[in-house]
């Protein structure tokens, strides 16, 4: 349990360090063309936004697969319980007949 909190702290500190490094070294203004509009934005801001978006997208994809595996695990545990109950019923039926 402590490992989880330590890893979370390391990730947060790494994100802060990356944000400070990106913000301090890139003050150049670039033009970003959208489909509809165009805007001027600092390179550091663009990199930070894209980094954050990629980080969130990674967490969403990871969360989706984690949830999928969790649901599969629950279904398999139910199947195991059902099969154990059937085995116990067969064993008791066999013992009664013997």
Protein backbone atom coordinates (compact mmCIF):
# COMPACT_ATOMS: atom_id res chain seq x y z
CA UNK A 1 0.00 0.00 0.00
CA UNK A 2 2.86 2.37 0.76
CA UNK A 3 4.40 1.61 -2.63
CA UNK A 4 1.30 3.00 -4.32
CA UNK A 5 1.63 6.32 -2.49
CA UNK A 6 5.37 6.51 -3.16
CA UNK A 7 4.83 5.91 -6.89
CA UNK A 8 2.09 8.55 -6.97
CA UNK A 9 4.39 11.03 -5.27
CA UNK A 10 7.21 10.26 -7.72
CA UNK A 11 4.86 10.77 -10.70
CA UNK A 12 3.60 14.11 -9.33
CA UNK A 13 7.12 15.35 -8.66
CA UNK A 14 8.22 14.25 -12.15
CA UNK A 15 5.30 16.13 -13.73
CA UNK A 16 6.16 19.28 -11.79
CA UNK A 17 9.81 19.06 -12.81
CA UNK A 18 8.87 18.49 -16.47
CA UNK A 19 6.46 21.44 -16.35
CA UNK A 20 9.06 23.77 -14.85
CA UNK A 21 11.72 22.63 -17.32
CA UNK A 22 9.44 23.05 -20.33
CA UNK A 23 8.21 26.44 -19.16
CA UNK A 24 11.66 27.81 -18.40
CA UNK A 25 13.37 26.83 -21.64
CA UNK A 26 10.78 27.53 -24.34
CA UNK A 27 9.52 31.09 -24.52
CA UNK A 28 9.21 31.22 -28.30
CA UNK A 29 5.78 32.19 -29.71
CA UNK A 30 4.47 30.03 -32.55
CA UNK A 31 1.36 30.18 -34.72
CA UNK A 32 -1.04 27.26 -34.34
CA UNK A 33 -3.51 26.76 -37.20
CA UNK A 34 -6.77 25.04 -36.26
CA UNK A 35 -9.36 23.95 -38.79
CA UNK A 36 -11.43 27.07 -38.11
CA UNK A 37 -9.06 29.55 -36.48
CA UNK A 38 -5.44 30.49 -35.92
CA UNK A 39 -3.79 31.56 -32.67
CA UNK A 40 -0.37 32.51 -31.39
CA UNK A 41 0.76 30.52 -28.37
CA UNK A 42 4.03 30.02 -26.53
CA UNK A 43 5.83 26.82 -27.36
CA UNK A 44 6.08 25.93 -23.68
CA UNK A 45 2.30 26.23 -23.27
CA UNK A 46 1.64 24.11 -26.33
CA UNK A 47 4.04 21.41 -25.15
CA UNK A 48 2.52 21.46 -21.65
CA UNK A 49 -1.03 21.18 -23.06
CA UNK A 50 -0.11 18.32 -25.39
CA UNK A 51 1.86 16.57 -22.63
CA UNK A 52 -1.13 16.84 -20.28
CA UNK A 53 -3.52 15.63 -22.96
CA UNK A 54 -1.28 12.64 -23.70
CA UNK A 55 -0.98 11.87 -19.99
CA UNK A 56 -4.77 11.93 -19.54
CA UNK A 57 -5.33 9.87 -22.67
CA UNK A 58 -2.83 7.30 -21.41
CA UNK A 59 -4.64 7.08 -18.06
CA UNK A 60 -8.00 6.68 -19.82
CA UNK A 61 -6.72 3.86 -22.04
CA UNK A 62 -5.03 2.16 -19.09
CA UNK A 63 -8.17 2.58 -16.97
CA UNK A 64 -10.32 1.08 -19.73
CA UNK A 65 -8.16 -2.04 -19.99
CA UNK A 66 -7.91 -2.30 -16.18
CA UNK A 67 -11.69 -2.14 -15.89
CA UNK A 68 -12.07 -4.69 -18.66
CA UNK A 69 -9.72 -7.10 -16.87
CA UNK A 70 -11.45 -6.47 -13.54
CA UNK A 71 -14.85 -7.33 -15.04
CA UNK A 72 -13.42 -10.48 -16.64
CA UNK A 73 -11.91 -11.48 -13.28
CA UNK A 74 -15.30 -11.04 -11.57
CA UNK A 75 -17.00 -13.17 -14.23
CA UNK A 76 -14.38 -15.92 -13.90
CA UNK A 77 -14.69 -15.92 -10.10
CA UNK A 78 -18.46 -16.34 -10.43
CA UNK A 79 -17.89 -19.22 -12.83
CA UNK A 80 -15.47 -20.87 -10.38
CA UNK A 81 -17.97 -20.57 -7.51
CA UNK A 82 -20.72 -22.05 -9.67
CA UNK A 83 -18.50 -24.96 -10.75
CA UNK A 84 -17.38 -25.62 -7.15
CA UNK A 85 -21.02 -25.72 -6.07
CA UNK A 86 -21.80 -28.21 -8.85
CA UNK A 87 -18.83 -30.36 -7.83
CA UNK A 88 -19.98 -30.34 -4.20
CA UNK A 89 -23.50 -31.33 -5.24
CA UNK A 90 -22.15 -34.21 -7.34
CA UNK A 91 -19.89 -35.35 -4.50
CA UNK A 92 -22.76 -35.39 -2.00
CA UNK A 93 -25.00 -37.21 -4.48
CA UNK A 94 -22.26 -39.80 -5.04
CA UNK A 95 -21.74 -40.24 -1.29
CA UNK A 96 -25.49 -40.76 -0.76
CA UNK A 97 -25.61 -43.41 -3.48
CA UNK A 98 -22.58 -45.26 -2.14
